[in-house]
Amino acid sequence: MVQFRNSVSDPERLSLEAALLWATLPGGVKQRAVNQAWCRNCRDRVALAPGWAGRVEAGKLLLEGSCPRCGSPITRIIDATTAEPPSS
């Protein structure tokens, strides 16, 4: 994992490929992806807890973290071709 202090908060980690995709996303998409993730356990939108990580799989950016309320794992998928997280 590579840390990019200018584009991501200190505790967040992105793979090199994920960091390159993250850098191309508009600020609003980044903000929504991190601050409006769906927790299946709480059944509510939450911000990813600090310490989330990102990687690329099948051309999609996956942000993996946990719910700050209950600690359940959360995965946020962003299609880099459309630069939009799926509505959930």
PDB file of N, CA and C in Angstrom:
ATOM      1  N   MET A   1       0.834  -1.176   0.000  1.00  0.00           N
ATOM      2  CA  MET A   1       0.000   0.000   0.000  1.00  0.00           C
ATOM      3  C   MET A   1       0.881   1.243   0.000  1.00  0.00           C
ATOM      4  N   VAL A   2       0.371   2.262  -0.640  1.00  0.00           N
ATOM      5  CA  VAL A   2       1.074   3.533  -0.724  1.00  0.00           C
ATOM      6  C   VAL A   2       0.214   4.589  -0.060  1.00  0.00           C
ATOM      7  N   GLN A   3       0.818   5.467   0.726  1.00  0.00           N
ATOM      8  CA  GLN A   3       0.067   6.546   1.347  1.00  0.00           C
ATOM      9  C   GLN A   3       0.343   7.837   0.605  1.00  0.00           C
ATOM     10  N   PHE A   4      -0.709   8.571   0.260  1.00  0.00           N
ATOM     11  CA  PHE A   4      -0.614   9.857  -0.398  1.00  0.00           C
ATOM     12  C   PHE A   4      -1.230  10.885   0.525  1.00  0.00           C
ATOM     13  N   ARG A   5      -0.416  11.635   1.207  1.00  0.00           N
ATOM     14  CA  ARG A   5      -0.902  12.573   2.206  1.00  0.00           C
ATOM     15  C   ARG A   5      -1.683  13.731   1.597  1.00  0.00           C
ATOM     16  N   ASN A   6      -1.414  14.100   0.348  1.00  0.00           N
ATOM     17  CA  ASN A   6      -2.096  15.238  -0.256  1.00  0.00           C
ATOM     18  C   ASN A   6      -3.509  14.907  -0.711  1.00  0.00           C
ATOM     19  N   SER A   7      -3.777  13.669  -1.058  1.00  0.00           N
ATOM     20  CA  SER A   7      -5.083  13.346  -1.612  1.00  0.00           C
ATOM     21  C   SER A   7      -5.985  12.575  -0.657  1.00  0.00           C
ATOM     22  N   VAL A   8      -5.419  11.999   0.375  1.00  0.00           N
ATOM     23  CA  VAL A   8      -6.185  11.174   1.284  1.00  0.00           C
ATOM     24  C   VAL A   8      -5.702  11.461   2.702  1.00  0.00           C
ATOM     25  N   SER A   9      -6.606  11.388   3.671  1.00  0.00           N
ATOM     26  CA  SER A   9      -6.220  11.600   5.065  1.00  0.00           C
ATOM     27  C   SER A   9      -5.135  10.625   5.483  1.00  0.00           C
ATOM     28  N   ASP A  10      -4.403  10.971   6.509  1.00  0.00           N
ATOM     29  CA  ASP A  10      -3.265  10.185   6.964  1.00  0.00           C
ATOM     30  C   ASP A  10      -3.559   8.713   7.210  1.00  0.00           C
ATOM     31  N   PRO A  11      -4.642   8.332   7.909  1.00  0.00           N
ATOM     32  CA  PRO A  11      -4.826   6.912   8.207  1.00  0.00           C
ATOM     33  C   PRO A  11      -5.338   6.072   7.040  1.00  0.00           C
ATOM     34  N   GLU A  12      -5.756   6.690   5.949  1.00  0.00           N
ATOM     35  CA  GLU A  12      -6.298   5.928   4.831  1.00  0.00           C
ATOM     36  C   GLU A  12      -5.159   5.408   3.950  1.00  0.00           C
ATOM     37  N   ARG A  13      -5.354   4.200   3.393  1.00  0.00           N
ATOM     38  CA  ARG A  13      -4.327   3.576   2.569  1.00  0.00           C
ATOM     39  C   ARG A  13      -4.917   3.178   1.224  1.00  0.00           C
ATOM     40  N   LEU A  14      -4.194   3.474   0.158  1.00  0.00           N
ATOM     41  CA  LEU A  14      -4.622   3.114  -1.180  1.00  0.00           C
ATOM     42  C   LEU A  14      -3.495   2.364  -1.877  1.00  0.00           C
ATOM     43  N   SER A  15      -3.859   1.357  -2.670  1.00  0.00           N
ATOM     44  CA  SER A  15      -2.864   0.721  -3.517  1.00  0.00           C
ATOM     45  C   SER A  15      -2.453   1.754  -4.572  1.00  0.00           C
ATOM     46  N   LEU A  16      -1.368   1.532  -5.250  1.00  0.00           N
ATOM     47  CA  LEU A  16      -0.898   2.487  -6.248  1.00  0.00           C
ATOM     48  C   LEU A  16      -1.947   2.705  -7.335  1.00  0.00           C
ATOM     49  N   GLU A  17      -2.520   1.624  -7.833  1.00  0.00           N
ATOM     50  CA  GLU A  17      -3.553   1.725  -8.871  1.00  0.00           C
ATOM     51  C   GLU A  17      -4.787   2.478  -8.350  1.00  0.00           C
ATOM     52  N   ALA A  18      -5.172   2.211  -7.103  1.00  0.00           N
ATOM     53  CA  ALA A  18      -6.311   2.904  -6.508  1.00  0.00           C
ATOM     54  C   ALA A  18      -6.009   4.383  -6.320  1.00  0.00           C
ATOM     55  N   ALA A  19      -4.796   4.710  -5.923  1.00  0.00           N
ATOM     56  CA  ALA A  19      -4.414   6.110  -5.730  1.00  0.00           C
ATOM     57  C   ALA A  19      -4.473   6.875  -7.047  1.00  0.00           C
ATOM     58  N   LEU A  20      -4.085   6.232  -8.131  1.00  0.00           N
ATOM     59  CA  LEU A  20      -4.147   6.889  -9.442  1.00  0.00           C
ATOM     60  C   LEU A  20      -5.598   7.146  -9.843  1.00  0.00           C
ATOM     61  N   LEU A  21      -6.480   6.193  -9.615  1.00  0.00           N
ATOM     62  CA  LEU A  21      -7.903   6.396  -9.919  1.00  0.00           C
ATOM     63  C   LEU A  21      -8.511   7.446  -8.994  1.00  0.00           C
ATOM     64  N   TRP A  22      -8.170   7.394  -7.717  1.00  0.00           N
ATOM     65  CA  TRP A  22      -8.692   8.342  -6.735  1.00  0.00           C
ATOM     66  C   TRP A  22      -8.336   9.771  -7.137  1.00  0.00           C
ATOM     67  N   ALA A  23      -7.126   9.962  -7.635  1.00  0.00           N
ATOM     68  CA  ALA A  23      -6.669  11.297  -8.016  1.00  0.00           C
ATOM     69  C   ALA A  23      -7.456  11.865  -9.194  1.00  0.00           C
ATOM     70  N   THR A  24      -8.059  11.019 -10.008  1.00  0.00           N
ATOM     71  CA  THR A  24      -8.815  11.491 -11.178  1.00  0.00           C
ATOM     72  C   THR A  24     -10.270  11.816 -10.853  1.00  0.00           C
ATOM     73  N   LEU A  25     -10.733  11.416  -9.678  1.00  0.00           N
ATOM     74  CA  LEU A  25     -12.142  11.629  -9.324  1.00  0.00           C
ATOM     75  C   LEU A  25     -12.397  13.063  -8.887  1.00  0.00           C
ATOM     76  N   PRO A  26     -13.546  13.623  -9.263  1.00  0.00           N
ATOM     77  CA  PRO A  26     -13.913  14.955  -8.774  1.00  0.00           C
ATOM     78  C   PRO A  26     -14.085  14.938  -7.253  1.00  0.00           C
ATOM     79  N   GLY A  27     -13.843  16.071  -6.619  1.00  0.00           N
ATOM     80  CA  GLY A  27     -13.928  16.176  -5.168  1.00  0.00           C
ATOM     81  C   GLY A  27     -15.268  15.757  -4.597  1.00  0.00           C
ATOM     82  N   GLY A  28     -16.353  16.093  -5.277  1.00  0.00           N
ATOM     83  CA  GLY A  28     -17.676  15.732  -4.784  1.00  0.00           C
ATOM     84  C   GLY A  28     -17.899  14.232  -4.753  1.00  0.00           C
ATOM     85  N   VAL A  29     -17.364  13.529  -5.734  1.00  0.00           N
ATOM     86  CA  VAL A  29     -17.501  12.070  -5.779  1.00  0.00           C
ATOM     87  C   VAL A  29     -16.700  11.457  -4.638  1.00  0.00           C
ATOM     88  N   LYS A  30     -15.495  11.965  -4.398  1.00  0.00           N
ATOM     89  CA  LYS A  30     -14.673  11.453  -3.300  1.00  0.00           C
ATOM     90  C   LYS A  30     -15.381  11.653  -1.966  1.00  0.00           C
ATOM     91  N   GLN A  31     -15.918  12.839  -1.783  1.00  0.00           N
ATOM     92  CA  GLN A  31     -16.578  13.167  -0.529  1.00  0.00           C
ATOM     93  C   GLN A  31     -17.802  12.280  -0.289  1.00  0.00           C
ATOM     94  N   ARG A  32     -18.619  12.093  -1.330  1.00  0.00           N
ATOM     95  CA  ARG A  32     -19.801  11.234  -1.203  1.00  0.00           C
ATOM     96  C   ARG A  32     -19.411   9.786  -0.934  1.00  0.00           C
ATOM     97  N   ALA A  33     -18.371   9.319  -1.611  1.00  0.00           N
ATOM     98  CA  ALA A  33     -17.954   7.921  -1.456  1.00  0.00           C
ATOM     99  C   ALA A  33     -17.536   7.622  -0.023  1.00  0.00           C
ATOM    100  N   VAL A  34     -16.858   8.552   0.611  1.00  0.00           N
ATOM    101  CA  VAL A  34     -16.362   8.335   1.964  1.00  0.00           C
ATOM    102  C   VAL A  34     -17.419   8.660   3.023  1.00  0.00           C
ATOM    103  N   ASN A  35     -18.247   9.656   2.772  1.00  0.00           N
ATOM    104  CA  ASN A  35     -19.187  10.133   3.789  1.00  0.00           C
ATOM    105  C   ASN A  35     -20.596   9.572   3.677  1.00  0.00           C
ATOM    106  N   GLN A  36     -20.895   8.815   2.617  1.00  0.00           N
ATOM    107  CA  GLN A  36     -22.250   8.288   2.459  1.00  0.00           C
ATOM    108  C   GLN A  36     -22.227   6.805   2.103  1.00  0.00           C
ATOM    109  N   ALA A  37     -21.579   6.028   2.932  1.00  0.00           N
ATOM    110  CA  ALA A  37     -21.544   4.578   2.733  1.00  0.00           C
ATOM    111  C   ALA A  37     -22.725   3.954   3.471  1.00  0.00           C
ATOM    112  N   TRP A  38     -23.180   2.804   3.002  1.00  0.00           N
ATOM    113  CA  TRP A  38     -24.332   2.149   3.606  1.00  0.00           C
ATOM    114  C   TRP A  38     -23.867   1.037   4.535  1.00  0.00           C
ATOM    115  N   CYS A  39     -24.329   1.092   5.775  1.00  0.00           N
ATOM    116  CA  CYS A  39     -24.054   0.023   6.735  1.00  0.00           C
ATOM    117  C   CYS A  39     -25.264  -0.892   6.777  1.00  0.00           C
ATOM    118  N   ARG A  40     -25.059  -2.146   6.428  1.00  0.00           N
ATOM    119  CA  ARG A  40     -26.162  -3.113   6.431  1.00  0.00           C
ATOM    120  C   ARG A  40     -26.645  -3.412   7.840  1.00  0.00           C
ATOM    121  N   ASN A  41     -25.752  -3.369   8.807  1.00  0.00           N
ATOM    122  CA  ASN A  41     -26.136  -3.674  10.180  1.00  0.00           C
ATOM    123  C   ASN A  41     -26.961  -2.543  10.803  1.00  0.00           C
ATOM    124  N   CYS A  42     -26.494  -1.298  10.633  1.00  0.00           N
ATOM    125  CA  CYS A  42     -27.212  -0.138  11.195  1.00  0.00           C
ATOM    126  C   CYS A  42     -28.398   0.278  10.323  1.00  0.00           C
ATOM    127  N   ARG A  43     -28.386  -0.165   9.064  1.00  0.00           N
ATOM    128  CA  ARG A  43     -29.419   0.207   8.088  1.00  0.00           C
ATOM    129  C   ARG A  43     -29.519   1.718   7.941  1.00  0.00           C
ATOM    130  N   ASP A  44     -28.334   2.318   7.741  1.00  0.00           N
ATOM    131  CA  ASP A  44     -28.262   3.773   7.627  1.00  0.00           C
ATOM    132  C   ASP A  44     -26.998   4.146   6.867  1.00  0.00           C
ATOM    133  N   ARG A  45     -27.002   5.373   6.344  1.00  0.00           N
ATOM    134  CA  ARG A  45     -25.800   5.902   5.704  1.00  0.00           C
ATOM    135  C   ARG A  45     -24.861   6.417   6.786  1.00  0.00           C
ATOM    136  N   VAL A  46     -23.598   6.079   6.632  1.00  0.00           N
ATOM    137  CA  VAL A  46     -22.583   6.507   7.594  1.00  0.00           C
ATOM    138  C   VAL A  46     -21.322   6.904   6.837  1.00  0.00           C
ATOM    139  N   ALA A  47     -20.451   7.632   7.496  1.00  0.00           N
ATOM    140  CA  ALA A  47     -19.127   7.923   6.949  1.00  0.00           C
ATOM    141  C   ALA A  47     -18.233   6.731   7.287  1.00  0.00           C
ATOM    142  N   LEU A  48     -17.343   6.364   6.368  1.00  0.00           N
ATOM    143  CA  LEU A  48     -16.401   5.291   6.667  1.00  0.00           C
ATOM    144  C   LEU A  48     -15.542   5.702   7.860  1.00  0.00           C
ATOM    145  N   ALA A  49     -15.313   4.788   8.771  1.00  0.00           N
ATOM    146  CA  ALA A  49     -14.473   5.069   9.931  1.00  0.00           C
ATOM    147  C   ALA A  49     -13.041   5.304   9.457  1.00  0.00           C
ATOM    148  N   PRO A  50     -12.271   6.129  10.154  1.00  0.00           N
ATOM    149  CA  PRO A  50     -10.868   6.340   9.785  1.00  0.00           C
ATOM    150  C   PRO A  50     -10.128   5.012   9.700  1.00  0.00           C
ATOM    151  N   GLY A  51      -9.218   4.938   8.749  1.00  0.00           N
ATOM    152  CA  GLY A  51      -8.450   3.724   8.550  1.00  0.00           C
ATOM    153  C   GLY A  51      -8.904   2.902   7.360  1.00  0.00           C
ATOM    154  N   TRP A  52      -9.834   3.447   6.547  1.00  0.00           N
ATOM    155  CA  TRP A  52     -10.300   2.699   5.379  1.00  0.00           C
ATOM    156  C   TRP A  52      -9.161   2.561   4.369  1.00  0.00           C
ATOM    157  N   ALA A  53      -9.308   1.593   3.484  1.00  0.00           N
ATOM    158  CA  ALA A  53      -8.290   1.316   2.461  1.00  0.00           C
ATOM    159  C   ALA A  53      -8.963   1.234   1.103  1.00  0.00           C
ATOM    160  N   GLY A  54      -8.189   1.379   0.058  1.00  0.00           N
ATOM    161  CA  GLY A  54      -8.733   1.309  -1.294  1.00  0.00           C
ATOM    162  C   GLY A  54      -7.880   0.435  -2.188  1.00  0.00           C
ATOM    163  N   ARG A  55      -8.557  -0.264  -3.089  1.00  0.00           N
ATOM    164  CA  ARG A  55      -7.877  -1.089  -4.089  1.00  0.00           C
ATOM    165  C   ARG A  55      -8.730  -1.114  -5.341  1.00  0.00           C
ATOM    166  N   VAL A  56      -8.167  -1.597  -6.426  1.00  0.00           N
ATOM    167  CA  VAL A  56      -8.896  -1.695  -7.690  1.00  0.00           C
ATOM    168  C   VAL A  56      -9.129  -3.162  -8.002  1.00  0.00           C
ATOM    169  N   GLU A  57     -10.360  -3.458  -8.395  1.00  0.00           N
ATOM    170  CA  GLU A  57     -10.716  -4.811  -8.800  1.00  0.00           C
ATOM    171  C   GLU A  57     -11.676  -4.711  -9.976  1.00  0.00           C
ATOM    172  N   ALA A  58     -11.341  -5.383 -11.071  1.00  0.00           N
ATOM    173  CA  ALA A  58     -12.174  -5.389 -12.286  1.00  0.00           C
ATOM    174  C   ALA A  58     -12.462  -3.971 -12.778  1.00  0.00           C
ATOM    175  N   GLY A  59     -11.483  -3.073 -12.664  1.00  0.00           N
ATOM    176  CA  GLY A  59     -11.646  -1.714 -13.146  1.00  0.00           C
ATOM    177  C   GLY A  59     -12.442  -0.798 -12.246  1.00  0.00           C
ATOM    178  N   LYS A  60     -12.849  -1.311 -11.103  1.00  0.00           N
ATOM    179  CA  LYS A  60     -13.630  -0.511 -10.160  1.00  0.00           C
ATOM    180  C   LYS A  60     -12.803  -0.245  -8.904  1.00  0.00           C
ATOM    181  N   LEU A  61     -12.973   0.946  -8.356  1.00  0.00           N
ATOM    182  CA  LEU A  61     -12.296   1.332  -7.126  1.00  0.00           C
ATOM    183  C   LEU A  61     -13.119   0.853  -5.944  1.00  0.00           C
ATOM    184  N   LEU A  62     -12.532   0.059  -5.079  1.00  0.00           N
ATOM    185  CA  LEU A  62     -13.215  -0.453  -3.889  1.00  0.00           C
ATOM    186  C   LEU A  62     -12.629   0.214  -2.666  1.00  0.00           C
ATOM    187  N   LEU A  63     -13.470   0.888  -1.908  1.00  0.00           N
ATOM    188  CA  LEU A  63     -13.077   1.454  -0.637  1.00  0.00           C
ATOM    189  C   LEU A  63     -13.593   0.509   0.439  1.00  0.00           C
ATOM    190  N   GLU A  64     -12.701   0.022   1.272  1.00  0.00           N
ATOM    191  CA  GLU A  64     -13.075  -0.948   2.297  1.00  0.00           C
ATOM    192  C   GLU A  64     -12.760  -0.372   3.665  1.00  0.00           C
ATOM    193  N   GLY A  65     -13.764  -0.371   4.511  1.00  0.00           N
ATOM    194  CA  GLY A  65     -13.591   0.164   5.851  1.00  0.00           C
ATOM    195  C   GLY A  65     -14.603  -0.445   6.784  1.00  0.00           C
ATOM    196  N   SER A  66     -14.934   0.318   7.811  1.00  0.00           N
ATOM    197  CA  SER A  66     -15.900  -0.181   8.781  1.00  0.00           C
ATOM    198  C   SER A  66     -16.834   0.936   9.208  1.00  0.00           C
ATOM    199  N   CYS A  67     -17.942   0.528   9.768  1.00  0.00           N
ATOM    200  CA  CYS A  67     -18.940   1.470  10.274  1.00  0.00           C
ATOM    201  C   CYS A  67     -18.423   2.072  11.581  1.00  0.00           C
ATOM    202  N   PRO A  68     -18.486   3.394  11.721  1.00  0.00           N
ATOM    203  CA  PRO A  68     -18.011   3.998  12.965  1.00  0.00           C
ATOM    204  C   PRO A  68     -18.928   3.707  14.159  1.00  0.00           C
ATOM    205  N   ARG A  69     -20.162   3.294  13.904  1.00  0.00           N
ATOM    206  CA  ARG A  69     -21.111   3.017  14.993  1.00  0.00           C
ATOM    207  C   ARG A  69     -20.987   1.597  15.514  1.00  0.00           C
ATOM    208  N   CYS A  70     -21.069   0.611  14.586  1.00  0.00           N
ATOM    209  CA  CYS A  70     -21.137  -0.785  15.016  1.00  0.00           C
ATOM    210  C   CYS A  70     -19.891  -1.595  14.670  1.00  0.00           C
ATOM    211  N   GLY A  71     -19.024  -1.049  13.797  1.00  0.00           N
ATOM    212  CA  GLY A  71     -17.798  -1.753  13.436  1.00  0.00           C
ATOM    213  C   GLY A  71     -17.950  -2.763  12.313  1.00  0.00           C
ATOM    214  N   SER A  72     -19.149  -2.894  11.734  1.00  0.00           N
ATOM    215  CA  SER A  72     -19.356  -3.830  10.631  1.00  0.00           C
ATOM    216  C   SER A  72     -18.538  -3.422   9.421  1.00  0.00           C
ATOM    217  N   PRO A  73     -18.057  -4.390   8.646  1.00  0.00           N
ATOM    218  CA  PRO A  73     -17.297  -4.045   7.441  1.00  0.00           C
ATOM    219  C   PRO A  73     -18.198  -3.397   6.391  1.00  0.00           C
ATOM    220  N   ILE A  74     -17.631  -2.417   5.684  1.00  0.00           N
ATOM    221  CA  ILE A  74     -18.340  -1.707   4.617  1.00  0.00           C
ATOM    222  C   ILE A  74     -17.439  -1.672   3.397  1.00  0.00           C
ATOM    223  N   THR A  75     -17.989  -1.966   2.231  1.00  0.00           N
ATOM    224  CA  THR A  75     -17.269  -1.820   0.975  1.00  0.00           C
ATOM    225  C   THR A  75     -18.045  -0.854   0.102  1.00  0.00           C
ATOM    226  N   ARG A  76     -17.378   0.171  -0.364  1.00  0.00           N
ATOM    227  CA  ARG A  76     -17.980   1.179  -1.252  1.00  0.00           C
ATOM    228  C   ARG A  76     -17.349   0.979  -2.614  1.00  0.00           C
ATOM    229  N   ILE A  77     -18.147   0.808  -3.661  1.00  0.00           N
ATOM    230  CA  ILE A  77     -17.649   0.556  -5.019  1.00  0.00           C
ATOM    231  C   ILE A  77     -17.863   1.797  -5.865  1.00  0.00           C
ATOM    232  N   ILE A  78     -16.808   2.217  -6.567  1.00  0.00           N
ATOM    233  CA  ILE A  78     -16.894   3.374  -7.449  1.00  0.00           C
ATOM    234  C   ILE A  78     -16.472   2.925  -8.840  1.00  0.00           C
ATOM    235  N   ASP A  79     -17.352   3.113  -9.811  1.00  0.00           N
ATOM    236  CA  ASP A  79     -17.044   2.793 -11.198  1.00  0.00           C
ATOM    237  C   ASP A  79     -16.252   3.963 -11.771  1.00  0.00           C
ATOM    238  N   ALA A  80     -14.972   3.748 -12.001  1.00  0.00           N
ATOM    239  CA  ALA A  80     -14.082   4.825 -12.450  1.00  0.00           C
ATOM    240  C   ALA A  80     -14.448   5.333 -13.841  1.00  0.00           C
ATOM    241  N   THR A  81     -15.135   4.536 -14.639  1.00  0.00           N
ATOM    242  CA  THR A  81     -15.500   4.989 -15.980  1.00  0.00           C
ATOM    243  C   THR A  81     -16.600   6.040 -15.936  1.00  0.00           C
ATOM    244  N   THR A  82     -17.457   5.971 -14.922  1.00  0.00           N
ATOM    245  CA  THR A  82     -18.503   6.963 -14.794  1.00  0.00           C
ATOM    246  C   THR A  82     -18.210   7.956 -13.670  1.00  0.00           C
ATOM    247  N   ALA A  83     -17.207   7.628 -12.847  1.00  0.00           N
ATOM    248  CA  ALA A  83     -16.803   8.468 -11.707  1.00  0.00           C
ATOM    249  C   ALA A  83     -17.954   8.727 -10.746  1.00  0.00           C
ATOM    250  N   GLU A  84     -18.826   7.752 -10.610  1.00  0.00           N
ATOM    251  CA  GLU A  84     -19.955   7.881  -9.688  1.00  0.00           C
ATOM    252  C   GLU A  84     -20.070   6.626  -8.837  1.00  0.00           C
ATOM    253  N   PRO A  85     -20.224   6.785  -7.526  1.00  0.00           N
ATOM    254  CA  PRO A  85     -20.547   5.625  -6.710  1.00  0.00           C
ATOM    255  C   PRO A  85     -21.980   5.214  -6.999  1.00  0.00           C
ATOM    256  N   PRO A  86     -22.285   3.924  -6.958  1.00  0.00           N
ATOM    257  CA  PRO A  86     -23.666   3.518  -7.192  1.00  0.00           C
ATOM    258  C   PRO A  86     -24.564   4.078  -6.114  1.00  0.00           C
ATOM    259  N   SER A  87     -25.764   4.456  -6.495  1.00  0.00           N
ATOM    260  CA  SER A  87     -26.700   4.977  -5.501  1.00  0.00           C
ATOM    261  C   SER A  87     -27.165   3.821  -4.636  1.00  0.00           C
ATOM    262  N   SER A  88     -27.125   4.038  -3.340  1.00  0.00           N
ATOM    263  CA  SER A  88     -27.548   2.974  -2.423  1.00  0.00           C
ATOM    264  C   SER A  88     -28.449   3.517  -1.353  1.00  0.00           C
TER     265      SER A  88
END
